[in-house]
N, C-alpha and C. Protein backbone atom coordinates (compact mmCIF):
# COMPACT_ATOMS: atom_id res chain seq x y z
N MET A 1 -0.49 -49.54 232.77
CA MET A 1 -1.24 -49.29 231.53
C MET A 1 -0.67 -50.19 230.43
N SER A 2 -1.55 -50.85 229.67
CA SER A 2 -1.09 -51.75 228.63
C SER A 2 -0.51 -50.95 227.47
N ARG A 3 0.41 -51.57 226.75
CA ARG A 3 1.07 -50.91 225.65
C ARG A 3 0.13 -50.78 224.46
N ASN A 4 0.12 -49.60 223.82
CA ASN A 4 -0.74 -49.37 222.66
C ASN A 4 0.05 -49.69 221.40
N TRP A 5 -0.02 -50.95 220.96
CA TRP A 5 0.75 -51.38 219.79
C TRP A 5 0.28 -50.68 218.52
N HIS A 6 -1.00 -50.27 218.47
CA HIS A 6 -1.50 -49.63 217.26
C HIS A 6 -0.71 -48.36 216.94
N ASP A 7 -0.17 -47.69 217.96
CA ASP A 7 0.63 -46.50 217.73
C ASP A 7 1.96 -46.83 217.06
N GLU A 8 2.37 -48.12 217.08
CA GLU A 8 3.68 -48.52 216.58
C GLU A 8 3.61 -49.32 215.28
N VAL A 9 2.42 -49.36 214.66
CA VAL A 9 2.23 -50.18 213.47
C VAL A 9 3.22 -49.80 212.37
N ASP A 10 3.41 -48.50 212.15
CA ASP A 10 4.31 -48.04 211.09
C ASP A 10 5.72 -48.59 211.29
N ALA A 11 6.24 -48.42 212.51
CA ALA A 11 7.60 -48.88 212.81
C ALA A 11 7.71 -50.40 212.71
N ILE A 12 6.71 -51.12 213.18
CA ILE A 12 6.73 -52.58 213.12
C ILE A 12 6.76 -53.05 211.68
N ALA A 13 5.92 -52.45 210.83
CA ALA A 13 5.85 -52.86 209.43
C ALA A 13 7.17 -52.59 208.72
N LEU A 14 7.82 -51.47 209.03
CA LEU A 14 9.09 -51.14 208.40
C LEU A 14 10.21 -52.05 208.86
N ALA A 15 10.16 -52.45 210.14
CA ALA A 15 11.24 -53.26 210.70
C ALA A 15 11.28 -54.65 210.08
N GLY A 16 10.11 -55.23 209.77
CA GLY A 16 10.05 -56.57 209.20
C GLY A 16 10.57 -57.61 210.18
N GLY A 17 10.92 -58.77 209.67
CA GLY A 17 11.47 -59.82 210.52
C GLY A 17 10.41 -60.49 211.35
N GLU A 18 10.85 -61.25 212.35
CA GLU A 18 9.94 -62.00 213.20
C GLU A 18 9.35 -61.11 214.29
N GLU A 19 8.07 -61.35 214.59
CA GLU A 19 7.46 -60.63 215.68
C GLU A 19 7.99 -61.15 217.01
N THR A 20 8.07 -60.27 217.98
CA THR A 20 8.48 -60.69 219.32
C THR A 20 7.34 -61.47 219.98
N ALA A 21 7.70 -62.20 221.03
CA ALA A 21 6.68 -62.94 221.77
C ALA A 21 5.63 -61.99 222.34
N GLU A 22 6.09 -60.81 222.77
CA GLU A 22 5.17 -59.82 223.34
C GLU A 22 4.18 -59.34 222.28
N LEU A 23 4.68 -59.11 221.06
CA LEU A 23 3.81 -58.66 219.98
C LEU A 23 2.84 -59.76 219.58
N ARG A 24 3.31 -61.01 219.50
CA ARG A 24 2.41 -62.11 219.15
C ARG A 24 1.29 -62.25 220.18
N ALA A 25 1.63 -62.08 221.46
CA ALA A 25 0.61 -62.15 222.51
C ALA A 25 -0.40 -61.02 222.34
N ALA A 26 0.09 -59.83 222.00
CA ALA A 26 -0.82 -58.69 221.79
C ALA A 26 -1.76 -58.94 220.62
N MET A 27 -1.25 -59.58 219.56
CA MET A 27 -2.09 -59.86 218.39
C MET A 27 -3.14 -60.91 218.70
N GLU A 28 -2.84 -61.84 219.60
CA GLU A 28 -3.84 -62.82 219.99
C GLU A 28 -4.99 -62.16 220.75
N GLN A 29 -4.68 -61.13 221.54
CA GLN A 29 -5.70 -60.41 222.29
C GLN A 29 -6.48 -59.45 221.40
N ASP A 30 -5.81 -58.92 220.35
CA ASP A 30 -6.45 -57.93 219.49
C ASP A 30 -6.17 -58.28 218.03
N PRO A 31 -7.06 -59.08 217.39
CA PRO A 31 -6.84 -59.49 216.00
C PRO A 31 -6.70 -58.32 215.04
N SER A 32 -7.25 -57.17 215.38
CA SER A 32 -7.15 -56.03 214.49
C SER A 32 -5.71 -55.55 214.36
N LEU A 33 -4.87 -55.85 215.35
CA LEU A 33 -3.47 -55.45 215.28
C LEU A 33 -2.77 -56.20 214.16
N ARG A 34 -3.02 -57.51 214.03
CA ARG A 34 -2.46 -58.28 212.93
C ARG A 34 -2.92 -57.71 211.60
N GLU A 35 -4.22 -57.35 211.50
CA GLU A 35 -4.74 -56.80 210.26
C GLU A 35 -4.04 -55.48 209.91
N ALA A 36 -3.82 -54.64 210.93
CA ALA A 36 -3.18 -53.35 210.69
C ALA A 36 -1.74 -53.52 210.22
N ILE A 37 -1.00 -54.43 210.86
CA ILE A 37 0.39 -54.66 210.49
C ILE A 37 0.48 -55.25 209.08
N ASP A 38 -0.38 -56.23 208.80
CA ASP A 38 -0.37 -56.84 207.47
C ASP A 38 -0.70 -55.80 206.39
N ALA A 39 -1.67 -54.92 206.70
CA ALA A 39 -2.03 -53.90 205.72
C ALA A 39 -0.87 -52.94 205.48
N ALA A 40 -0.19 -52.53 206.57
CA ALA A 40 0.95 -51.61 206.42
C ALA A 40 2.08 -52.26 205.66
N ARG A 41 2.35 -53.54 205.94
CA ARG A 41 3.42 -54.23 205.22
C ARG A 41 3.10 -54.36 203.73
N ALA A 42 1.82 -54.63 203.43
CA ALA A 42 1.42 -54.74 202.02
C ALA A 42 1.61 -53.43 201.29
N ILE A 43 1.29 -52.33 201.98
CA ILE A 43 1.48 -51.01 201.36
C ILE A 43 2.94 -50.76 201.07
N TYR A 44 3.81 -51.05 202.06
CA TYR A 44 5.23 -50.82 201.84
C TYR A 44 5.81 -51.73 200.78
N ALA A 45 5.32 -52.97 200.73
CA ALA A 45 5.80 -53.89 199.70
C ALA A 45 5.43 -53.39 198.31
N ALA A 46 4.19 -52.89 198.17
CA ALA A 46 3.76 -52.36 196.88
C ALA A 46 4.57 -51.13 196.49
N LEU A 47 4.83 -50.27 197.44
CA LEU A 47 5.63 -49.08 197.16
C LEU A 47 7.05 -49.45 196.77
N ALA A 48 7.59 -50.47 197.42
CA ALA A 48 8.95 -50.89 197.11
C ALA A 48 9.06 -51.42 195.70
N LEU A 49 8.02 -52.12 195.23
CA LEU A 49 8.03 -52.64 193.86
C LEU A 49 8.07 -51.51 192.85
N VAL A 50 7.42 -50.41 193.19
CA VAL A 50 7.36 -49.28 192.26
C VAL A 50 8.62 -48.45 192.33
N THR A 51 9.10 -48.20 193.53
CA THR A 51 10.21 -47.25 193.70
C THR A 51 11.57 -47.91 193.86
N HIS A 52 11.58 -49.22 194.23
CA HIS A 52 12.82 -49.96 194.49
C HIS A 52 13.62 -49.37 195.64
N ARG A 53 12.96 -48.60 196.47
CA ARG A 53 13.61 -48.05 197.65
C ARG A 53 12.53 -47.68 198.65
N LEU A 54 12.94 -47.39 199.88
CA LEU A 54 11.99 -46.99 200.90
C LEU A 54 11.29 -45.72 200.48
N PRO A 55 9.95 -45.65 200.58
CA PRO A 55 9.25 -44.44 200.16
C PRO A 55 9.68 -43.23 200.98
N PRO A 56 9.66 -42.05 200.36
CA PRO A 56 10.00 -40.83 201.10
C PRO A 56 9.12 -40.68 202.33
N ALA A 57 9.66 -39.98 203.32
CA ALA A 57 8.93 -39.82 204.58
C ALA A 57 7.57 -39.17 204.38
N ALA A 58 7.49 -38.16 203.50
CA ALA A 58 6.22 -37.46 203.28
C ALA A 58 5.19 -38.40 202.67
N LEU A 59 5.63 -39.23 201.69
CA LEU A 59 4.70 -40.18 201.08
C LEU A 59 4.28 -41.23 202.08
N ARG A 60 5.23 -41.72 202.88
CA ARG A 60 4.90 -42.72 203.90
C ARG A 60 3.88 -42.16 204.88
N ALA A 61 4.05 -40.89 205.26
CA ALA A 61 3.12 -40.28 206.21
C ALA A 61 1.73 -40.17 205.62
N ARG A 62 1.63 -39.82 204.31
CA ARG A 62 0.32 -39.71 203.68
C ARG A 62 -0.37 -41.06 203.59
N VAL A 63 0.41 -42.10 203.26
CA VAL A 63 -0.15 -43.44 203.15
C VAL A 63 -0.67 -43.91 204.50
N MET A 64 0.14 -43.73 205.55
CA MET A 64 -0.27 -44.19 206.87
C MET A 64 -1.44 -43.37 207.41
N GLU A 65 -1.50 -42.09 207.04
CA GLU A 65 -2.64 -41.28 207.46
C GLU A 65 -3.92 -41.79 206.82
N SER A 66 -3.81 -42.22 205.54
CA SER A 66 -4.97 -42.78 204.86
C SER A 66 -5.42 -44.06 205.52
N VAL A 67 -4.46 -44.92 205.89
CA VAL A 67 -4.81 -46.17 206.56
C VAL A 67 -5.47 -45.88 207.90
N ALA A 68 -4.89 -44.92 208.65
CA ALA A 68 -5.40 -44.61 209.98
C ALA A 68 -6.79 -44.00 209.94
N SER A 69 -7.14 -43.34 208.82
CA SER A 69 -8.43 -42.67 208.76
C SER A 69 -9.59 -43.63 208.56
N THR A 70 -9.28 -44.89 208.27
CA THR A 70 -10.32 -45.90 208.11
C THR A 70 -10.39 -46.75 209.36
N SER A 71 -11.51 -46.71 210.03
CA SER A 71 -11.69 -47.47 211.25
C SER A 71 -11.75 -48.96 210.95
N ARG A 72 -11.27 -49.76 211.90
CA ARG A 72 -11.39 -51.21 211.75
C ARG A 72 -12.84 -51.64 211.87
N PHE A 73 -13.71 -50.72 212.31
CA PHE A 73 -15.14 -51.00 212.40
C PHE A 73 -15.92 -50.39 211.23
N GLU A 74 -15.21 -49.96 210.20
CA GLU A 74 -15.82 -49.29 209.05
C GLU A 74 -16.97 -50.09 208.45
N ARG A 75 -16.85 -51.40 208.41
CA ARG A 75 -17.88 -52.22 207.75
C ARG A 75 -19.23 -52.15 208.46
N TRP A 76 -19.23 -51.67 209.72
CA TRP A 76 -20.48 -51.59 210.46
C TRP A 76 -21.08 -50.19 210.44
N ALA A 77 -20.52 -49.29 209.62
CA ALA A 77 -20.97 -47.89 209.64
C ALA A 77 -22.45 -47.76 209.28
N SER A 78 -22.89 -48.45 208.25
CA SER A 78 -24.28 -48.34 207.83
C SER A 78 -25.23 -48.89 208.90
N ALA A 79 -24.88 -50.05 209.47
CA ALA A 79 -25.72 -50.63 210.52
C ALA A 79 -25.75 -49.73 211.75
N ALA A 80 -24.58 -49.16 212.11
CA ALA A 80 -24.52 -48.27 213.27
C ALA A 80 -25.37 -47.02 213.04
N ALA A 81 -25.34 -46.50 211.81
CA ALA A 81 -26.14 -45.33 211.50
C ALA A 81 -27.63 -45.63 211.67
N SER A 82 -28.04 -46.83 211.27
CA SER A 82 -29.44 -47.21 211.41
C SER A 82 -29.84 -47.31 212.88
N VAL A 83 -28.98 -47.92 213.70
CA VAL A 83 -29.28 -48.07 215.12
C VAL A 83 -29.36 -46.70 215.80
N LEU A 84 -28.45 -45.80 215.42
CA LEU A 84 -28.38 -44.48 216.06
C LEU A 84 -29.30 -43.45 215.41
N ARG A 85 -29.92 -43.83 214.28
CA ARG A 85 -30.79 -42.92 213.55
C ARG A 85 -30.05 -41.64 213.18
N THR A 86 -28.86 -41.83 212.65
CA THR A 86 -28.02 -40.72 212.24
C THR A 86 -27.45 -41.00 210.86
N THR A 87 -26.60 -40.12 210.36
CA THR A 87 -26.01 -40.32 209.04
C THR A 87 -24.87 -41.33 209.11
N VAL A 88 -24.58 -41.93 207.97
CA VAL A 88 -23.46 -42.87 207.91
C VAL A 88 -22.16 -42.15 208.23
N GLU A 89 -22.04 -40.90 207.78
CA GLU A 89 -20.82 -40.14 208.05
C GLU A 89 -20.62 -39.93 209.54
N ASN A 90 -21.68 -39.61 210.25
CA ASN A 90 -21.58 -39.40 211.69
C ASN A 90 -21.26 -40.73 212.39
N ALA A 91 -21.92 -41.80 211.97
CA ALA A 91 -21.65 -43.11 212.57
C ALA A 91 -20.21 -43.52 212.32
N ARG A 92 -19.71 -43.26 211.12
CA ARG A 92 -18.32 -43.61 210.79
C ARG A 92 -17.35 -42.84 211.70
N ALA A 93 -17.62 -41.57 211.91
CA ALA A 93 -16.74 -40.76 212.77
C ALA A 93 -16.74 -41.29 214.20
N LEU A 94 -17.89 -41.73 214.70
CA LEU A 94 -17.96 -42.27 216.06
C LEU A 94 -17.23 -43.61 216.15
N LEU A 95 -17.37 -44.45 215.14
CA LEU A 95 -16.67 -45.74 215.14
C LEU A 95 -15.16 -45.55 215.15
N GLN A 96 -14.69 -44.48 214.51
CA GLN A 96 -13.25 -44.22 214.47
C GLN A 96 -12.70 -43.85 215.84
N ARG A 97 -13.57 -43.45 216.76
CA ARG A 97 -13.11 -43.02 218.08
C ARG A 97 -13.08 -44.16 219.10
N ILE A 98 -13.53 -45.34 218.69
CA ILE A 98 -13.60 -46.45 219.65
C ILE A 98 -12.22 -46.80 220.21
N ASP A 99 -11.19 -46.77 219.39
CA ASP A 99 -9.86 -47.18 219.85
C ASP A 99 -9.11 -46.09 220.61
N ALA A 100 -9.72 -44.93 220.77
CA ALA A 100 -9.09 -43.85 221.55
C ALA A 100 -9.41 -44.04 223.03
N ALA A 101 -8.39 -44.19 223.84
CA ALA A 101 -8.59 -44.43 225.28
C ALA A 101 -9.40 -43.31 225.92
N ALA A 102 -9.24 -42.08 225.42
CA ALA A 102 -9.94 -40.94 226.02
C ALA A 102 -11.45 -41.00 225.82
N SER A 103 -11.93 -41.84 224.91
CA SER A 103 -13.37 -41.94 224.67
C SER A 103 -14.10 -42.66 225.79
N TRP A 104 -13.36 -43.41 226.60
CA TRP A 104 -13.99 -44.35 227.53
C TRP A 104 -13.90 -43.88 228.98
N GLU A 105 -14.91 -44.27 229.77
CA GLU A 105 -14.89 -44.03 231.20
C GLU A 105 -15.45 -45.26 231.92
N PRO A 106 -15.02 -45.50 233.13
CA PRO A 106 -15.46 -46.72 233.82
C PRO A 106 -16.93 -46.68 234.21
N ALA A 107 -17.55 -47.84 234.16
CA ALA A 107 -18.92 -48.02 234.66
C ALA A 107 -18.83 -48.50 236.10
N PRO A 108 -19.94 -48.46 236.85
CA PRO A 108 -19.90 -48.95 238.23
C PRO A 108 -19.66 -50.45 238.33
N MET A 109 -19.95 -51.19 237.25
CA MET A 109 -19.78 -52.64 237.25
C MET A 109 -18.35 -52.99 236.87
N PRO A 110 -17.73 -53.97 237.54
CA PRO A 110 -16.34 -54.33 237.25
C PRO A 110 -16.16 -54.85 235.83
N GLY A 111 -15.04 -54.44 235.20
CA GLY A 111 -14.70 -54.94 233.88
C GLY A 111 -15.46 -54.27 232.75
N ILE A 112 -16.22 -53.22 233.04
CA ILE A 112 -17.05 -52.58 232.03
C ILE A 112 -16.67 -51.10 231.90
N THR A 113 -16.50 -50.63 230.67
CA THR A 113 -16.26 -49.23 230.39
C THR A 113 -17.27 -48.74 229.36
N LEU A 114 -17.51 -47.43 229.35
CA LEU A 114 -18.57 -46.84 228.54
C LEU A 114 -18.05 -45.68 227.69
N PHE A 115 -18.59 -45.58 226.49
CA PHE A 115 -18.34 -44.46 225.60
C PHE A 115 -19.71 -43.82 225.33
N HIS A 116 -19.99 -42.73 226.04
CA HIS A 116 -21.31 -42.08 225.95
C HIS A 116 -21.45 -41.32 224.63
N LEU A 117 -22.60 -41.47 223.99
CA LEU A 117 -22.81 -40.85 222.68
C LEU A 117 -23.85 -39.74 222.70
N GLU A 118 -24.38 -39.41 223.87
CA GLU A 118 -25.40 -38.36 223.93
C GLU A 118 -24.94 -37.04 223.28
N PRO A 119 -23.67 -36.65 223.40
CA PRO A 119 -23.28 -35.38 222.77
C PRO A 119 -23.26 -35.42 221.25
N TYR A 120 -23.32 -36.62 220.66
CA TYR A 120 -23.11 -36.75 219.21
C TYR A 120 -24.35 -37.19 218.45
N VAL A 121 -25.35 -37.70 219.14
CA VAL A 121 -26.59 -38.13 218.48
C VAL A 121 -27.77 -37.65 219.31
N THR A 122 -28.90 -37.45 218.63
CA THR A 122 -30.10 -36.99 219.32
C THR A 122 -31.15 -38.10 219.24
N LEU A 123 -31.39 -38.74 220.38
CA LEU A 123 -32.40 -39.78 220.49
C LEU A 123 -33.19 -39.51 221.77
N PRO A 124 -34.33 -38.87 221.66
CA PRO A 124 -35.09 -38.49 222.86
C PRO A 124 -35.38 -39.68 223.77
N ASN A 125 -35.15 -39.46 225.05
CA ASN A 125 -35.44 -40.45 226.09
C ASN A 125 -34.70 -41.77 225.88
N ALA A 126 -33.48 -41.67 225.35
CA ALA A 126 -32.70 -42.88 225.08
C ALA A 126 -31.31 -42.76 225.67
N ILE A 127 -30.69 -43.90 225.87
CA ILE A 127 -29.30 -43.98 226.29
C ILE A 127 -28.53 -44.64 225.14
N PRO A 128 -27.79 -43.84 224.33
CA PRO A 128 -26.98 -44.42 223.26
C PRO A 128 -25.51 -44.47 223.67
N GLY A 129 -24.82 -45.52 223.30
CA GLY A 129 -23.40 -45.58 223.63
C GLY A 129 -22.74 -46.85 223.16
N PHE A 130 -21.42 -46.85 223.24
CA PHE A 130 -20.63 -48.06 223.06
C PHE A 130 -20.32 -48.61 224.44
N VAL A 131 -20.35 -49.92 224.56
CA VAL A 131 -20.03 -50.59 225.82
C VAL A 131 -18.92 -51.59 225.57
N LYS A 132 -17.95 -51.62 226.46
CA LYS A 132 -16.86 -52.59 226.37
C LYS A 132 -16.85 -53.42 227.66
N VAL A 133 -16.93 -54.74 227.49
CA VAL A 133 -16.90 -55.65 228.63
C VAL A 133 -15.65 -56.51 228.48
N ALA A 134 -14.77 -56.46 229.46
CA ALA A 134 -13.50 -57.17 229.38
C ALA A 134 -13.72 -58.68 229.37
N GLN A 135 -12.84 -59.36 228.67
CA GLN A 135 -12.91 -60.82 228.62
C GLN A 135 -12.87 -61.38 230.04
N GLY A 136 -13.73 -62.36 230.30
CA GLY A 136 -13.79 -62.95 231.63
C GLY A 136 -14.80 -62.30 232.55
N HIS A 137 -15.45 -61.23 232.08
CA HIS A 137 -16.46 -60.54 232.88
C HIS A 137 -17.86 -60.75 232.29
N GLN A 138 -18.86 -60.27 232.97
CA GLN A 138 -20.22 -60.36 232.48
C GLN A 138 -20.95 -59.04 232.72
N PHE A 139 -21.99 -58.81 231.93
CA PHE A 139 -22.89 -57.69 232.24
C PHE A 139 -23.96 -58.27 233.14
N PRO A 140 -24.13 -57.69 234.31
CA PRO A 140 -25.00 -58.32 235.31
C PRO A 140 -26.47 -58.30 234.91
N PRO A 141 -27.31 -59.09 235.58
CA PRO A 141 -28.75 -59.08 235.31
C PRO A 141 -29.31 -57.66 235.42
N HIS A 142 -30.13 -57.29 234.46
CA HIS A 142 -30.72 -55.96 234.47
C HIS A 142 -32.08 -56.00 233.78
N HIS A 143 -32.87 -54.99 234.07
CA HIS A 143 -34.25 -54.90 233.57
C HIS A 143 -34.35 -53.71 232.63
N HIS A 144 -34.91 -53.93 231.43
CA HIS A 144 -35.09 -52.85 230.46
C HIS A 144 -36.42 -52.16 230.68
N LEU A 145 -36.37 -50.87 230.93
CA LEU A 145 -37.61 -50.10 231.05
C LEU A 145 -38.23 -49.83 229.69
N GLY A 146 -37.40 -49.74 228.68
CA GLY A 146 -37.86 -49.55 227.30
C GLY A 146 -37.18 -50.53 226.37
N ALA A 147 -37.47 -50.42 225.08
CA ALA A 147 -36.88 -51.32 224.09
C ALA A 147 -35.39 -51.05 223.94
N GLU A 148 -34.65 -52.08 223.53
CA GLU A 148 -33.19 -51.98 223.36
C GLU A 148 -32.78 -52.62 222.04
N THR A 149 -31.81 -51.98 221.37
CA THR A 149 -31.18 -52.54 220.17
C THR A 149 -29.68 -52.50 220.36
N THR A 150 -29.00 -53.61 220.06
CA THR A 150 -27.55 -53.67 220.15
C THR A 150 -26.97 -54.15 218.84
N LEU A 151 -25.78 -53.64 218.50
CA LEU A 151 -25.01 -54.07 217.34
C LEU A 151 -23.64 -54.53 217.85
N ILE A 152 -23.33 -55.79 217.64
CA ILE A 152 -22.06 -56.33 218.14
C ILE A 152 -20.93 -55.92 217.19
N LEU A 153 -19.83 -55.40 217.77
CA LEU A 153 -18.70 -54.92 216.97
C LEU A 153 -17.45 -55.77 217.14
N GLN A 154 -17.24 -56.33 218.31
CA GLN A 154 -16.01 -57.10 218.57
C GLN A 154 -16.29 -58.11 219.67
N GLY A 155 -15.68 -59.29 219.55
CA GLY A 155 -15.80 -60.29 220.59
C GLY A 155 -17.08 -61.11 220.47
N THR A 156 -17.26 -61.98 221.44
CA THR A 156 -18.40 -62.90 221.45
C THR A 156 -18.97 -62.99 222.86
N CYS A 157 -20.29 -63.09 222.96
CA CYS A 157 -20.90 -63.26 224.26
C CYS A 157 -21.97 -64.34 224.21
N ARG A 158 -22.30 -64.85 225.38
CA ARG A 158 -23.42 -65.79 225.51
C ARG A 158 -24.48 -65.12 226.37
N ASP A 159 -25.66 -64.92 225.78
CA ASP A 159 -26.77 -64.33 226.52
C ASP A 159 -27.35 -65.40 227.44
N ASP A 160 -28.07 -64.96 228.46
CA ASP A 160 -28.61 -65.94 229.39
C ASP A 160 -29.77 -66.74 228.80
N ASP A 161 -30.22 -66.37 227.59
CA ASP A 161 -31.20 -67.21 226.90
C ASP A 161 -30.52 -68.25 226.01
N GLY A 162 -29.17 -68.30 226.06
CA GLY A 162 -28.41 -69.29 225.31
C GLY A 162 -27.89 -68.81 223.98
N ARG A 163 -28.34 -67.65 223.51
CA ARG A 163 -27.86 -67.15 222.22
C ARG A 163 -26.39 -66.75 222.29
N ILE A 164 -25.66 -67.05 221.22
CA ILE A 164 -24.27 -66.59 221.06
C ILE A 164 -24.30 -65.41 220.09
N LEU A 165 -23.76 -64.28 220.51
CA LEU A 165 -23.74 -63.07 219.69
C LEU A 165 -22.32 -62.77 219.26
N ARG A 166 -22.18 -62.47 217.95
CA ARG A 166 -20.87 -62.24 217.34
C ARG A 166 -20.88 -60.92 216.55
N PRO A 167 -19.70 -60.44 216.12
CA PRO A 167 -19.66 -59.18 215.37
C PRO A 167 -20.60 -59.19 214.17
N GLY A 168 -21.34 -58.09 214.05
CA GLY A 168 -22.31 -57.96 212.98
C GLY A 168 -23.72 -58.32 213.37
N ASP A 169 -23.88 -59.03 214.49
CA ASP A 169 -25.21 -59.42 214.94
C ASP A 169 -25.96 -58.21 215.50
N LEU A 170 -27.25 -58.14 215.18
CA LEU A 170 -28.16 -57.17 215.77
C LEU A 170 -29.08 -57.90 216.72
N ALA A 171 -29.26 -57.37 217.92
CA ALA A 171 -30.15 -58.00 218.90
C ALA A 171 -31.15 -56.96 219.38
N HIS A 172 -32.40 -57.38 219.49
CA HIS A 172 -33.47 -56.49 219.93
C HIS A 172 -34.13 -57.09 221.18
N ARG A 173 -34.45 -56.22 222.12
CA ARG A 173 -35.19 -56.66 223.31
C ARG A 173 -36.33 -55.69 223.55
N ASP A 174 -37.47 -56.26 223.94
CA ASP A 174 -38.65 -55.44 224.19
C ASP A 174 -38.55 -54.76 225.56
N ALA A 175 -39.39 -53.77 225.75
CA ALA A 175 -39.50 -53.13 227.06
C ALA A 175 -39.99 -54.14 228.09
N GLN A 176 -39.58 -53.90 229.33
CA GLN A 176 -39.99 -54.74 230.47
C GLN A 176 -39.49 -56.17 230.34
N THR A 177 -38.25 -56.31 229.84
CA THR A 177 -37.61 -57.63 229.78
C THR A 177 -36.32 -57.59 230.59
N ASP A 178 -35.85 -58.78 230.96
CA ASP A 178 -34.65 -58.91 231.79
C ASP A 178 -33.66 -59.84 231.11
N HIS A 179 -32.37 -59.57 231.32
CA HIS A 179 -31.35 -60.52 230.85
C HIS A 179 -29.99 -60.13 231.42
N ALA A 180 -29.02 -61.01 231.14
CA ALA A 180 -27.61 -60.78 231.47
C ALA A 180 -26.81 -61.52 230.41
N PHE A 181 -25.51 -61.27 230.34
CA PHE A 181 -24.68 -62.03 229.39
C PHE A 181 -23.25 -62.11 229.91
N GLU A 182 -22.52 -63.11 229.41
CA GLU A 182 -21.11 -63.29 229.77
C GLU A 182 -20.26 -63.24 228.51
N VAL A 183 -19.05 -62.70 228.64
CA VAL A 183 -18.12 -62.60 227.53
C VAL A 183 -17.38 -63.92 227.40
N LEU A 184 -17.33 -64.45 226.19
CA LEU A 184 -16.63 -65.71 225.93
C LEU A 184 -15.15 -65.44 225.65
N PRO A 185 -14.28 -66.48 225.74
CA PRO A 185 -12.85 -66.28 225.50
C PRO A 185 -12.57 -65.61 224.17
N GLY A 186 -11.61 -64.70 224.18
CA GLY A 186 -11.27 -63.93 222.99
C GLY A 186 -11.06 -62.47 223.36
N PRO A 187 -11.19 -61.58 222.39
CA PRO A 187 -10.99 -60.15 222.68
C PRO A 187 -12.12 -59.59 223.53
N ASP A 188 -11.89 -58.42 224.09
CA ASP A 188 -12.94 -57.73 224.83
C ASP A 188 -14.18 -57.59 223.96
N PHE A 189 -15.33 -57.61 224.60
CA PHE A 189 -16.61 -57.54 223.91
C PHE A 189 -17.02 -56.07 223.79
N ILE A 190 -17.22 -55.61 222.56
CA ILE A 190 -17.61 -54.22 222.31
C ILE A 190 -18.89 -54.21 221.50
N TYR A 191 -19.84 -53.40 221.95
CA TYR A 191 -21.09 -53.31 221.20
C TYR A 191 -21.67 -51.90 221.29
N LEU A 192 -22.47 -51.58 220.29
CA LEU A 192 -23.24 -50.34 220.26
C LEU A 192 -24.63 -50.65 220.81
N VAL A 193 -25.13 -49.78 221.67
CA VAL A 193 -26.46 -50.01 222.25
C VAL A 193 -27.27 -48.72 222.28
N VAL A 194 -28.55 -48.87 222.01
CA VAL A 194 -29.52 -47.80 222.24
C VAL A 194 -30.65 -48.41 223.05
N VAL A 195 -30.83 -47.93 224.27
CA VAL A 195 -31.92 -48.41 225.12
C VAL A 195 -32.78 -47.21 225.52
N PHE A 196 -34.07 -47.35 225.35
CA PHE A 196 -34.99 -46.26 225.66
C PHE A 196 -35.50 -46.37 227.10
N ASP A 197 -35.72 -45.23 227.69
CA ASP A 197 -36.35 -45.08 229.01
C ASP A 197 -35.44 -45.44 230.18
N GLY A 198 -34.40 -46.23 229.96
CA GLY A 198 -33.48 -46.56 231.03
C GLY A 198 -33.48 -48.03 231.39
N VAL A 199 -32.63 -48.37 232.37
CA VAL A 199 -32.50 -49.75 232.85
C VAL A 199 -32.49 -49.74 234.37
N VAL A 200 -32.72 -50.91 234.93
CA VAL A 200 -32.62 -51.09 236.37
C VAL A 200 -31.58 -52.16 236.62
N ILE A 201 -30.51 -51.79 237.34
CA ILE A 201 -29.42 -52.72 237.64
C ILE A 201 -29.27 -52.82 239.16
N GLY A 202 -29.37 -54.03 239.68
CA GLY A 202 -29.27 -54.20 241.13
C GLY A 202 -30.33 -53.43 241.89
N GLY A 203 -31.49 -53.29 241.27
CA GLY A 203 -32.58 -52.58 241.91
C GLY A 203 -32.50 -51.07 241.81
N VAL A 204 -31.47 -50.55 241.12
CA VAL A 204 -31.26 -49.10 241.00
C VAL A 204 -31.65 -48.63 239.60
N PRO A 205 -32.66 -47.78 239.47
CA PRO A 205 -33.02 -47.24 238.15
C PRO A 205 -31.91 -46.31 237.64
N MET A 206 -31.57 -46.47 236.36
CA MET A 206 -30.60 -45.61 235.70
C MET A 206 -31.26 -45.11 234.43
N LEU A 207 -31.55 -43.81 234.41
CA LEU A 207 -32.36 -43.22 233.36
C LEU A 207 -31.51 -42.44 232.37
N PRO A 208 -32.07 -42.07 231.21
CA PRO A 208 -31.32 -41.29 230.24
C PRO A 208 -30.64 -40.08 230.89
N GLY A 209 -29.38 -39.88 230.55
CA GLY A 209 -28.58 -38.80 231.12
C GLY A 209 -27.75 -39.23 232.31
N ASP A 210 -28.01 -40.42 232.82
CA ASP A 210 -27.23 -40.96 233.96
C ASP A 210 -25.90 -41.47 233.45
N ARG A 211 -24.79 -40.93 233.93
CA ARG A 211 -23.45 -41.30 233.43
C ARG A 211 -23.02 -42.69 233.89
N ARG A 212 -23.82 -43.35 234.71
CA ARG A 212 -23.46 -44.71 235.14
C ARG A 212 -23.78 -45.74 234.07
N VAL A 213 -24.57 -45.36 233.07
CA VAL A 213 -24.92 -46.26 231.97
C VAL A 213 -24.79 -45.53 230.65
């Protein structure tokens, strides 16, 4: 199991000094880790200017709790709410759960994991969820039985129509269309998707409620 550096942001920021080679490699794979460490260091630097000493443990805990309560995907909350047809507050809460390992389960396709959202949003005859495709993998060719909307949250992919999709991009596909995509070098590709009526992958229909999609 890979090391969860995000759990150690507080200690890393307090320690200061040079990052280890292992930490630098982790930051290259996950740019949000650099952002989290820089944010924590900035907070401690500001506190030090005011207090001239390390902040009390209780204050440090409150500050870090405030930082942790804001998802690194916060900027996409409004767009996610629109895609899911839910409130911004609900979308924000779901985005905050993306980095929790317990949110995810493996898909039948290699390199792909799923975060099912059916328990949290109501979209009749739809499959809503977050999808994570590991770098170096692809989402195989599939057929959409209904319309699909995706919101890119992390990473970059190349669709088989040649389009490059990046964080913040919204992509729409009509019913009865086919496509596939590959993840480009960089972090794992994460996106929010709502597809109606289901999909067909490898000739196998997968309909709303099917845990394989």
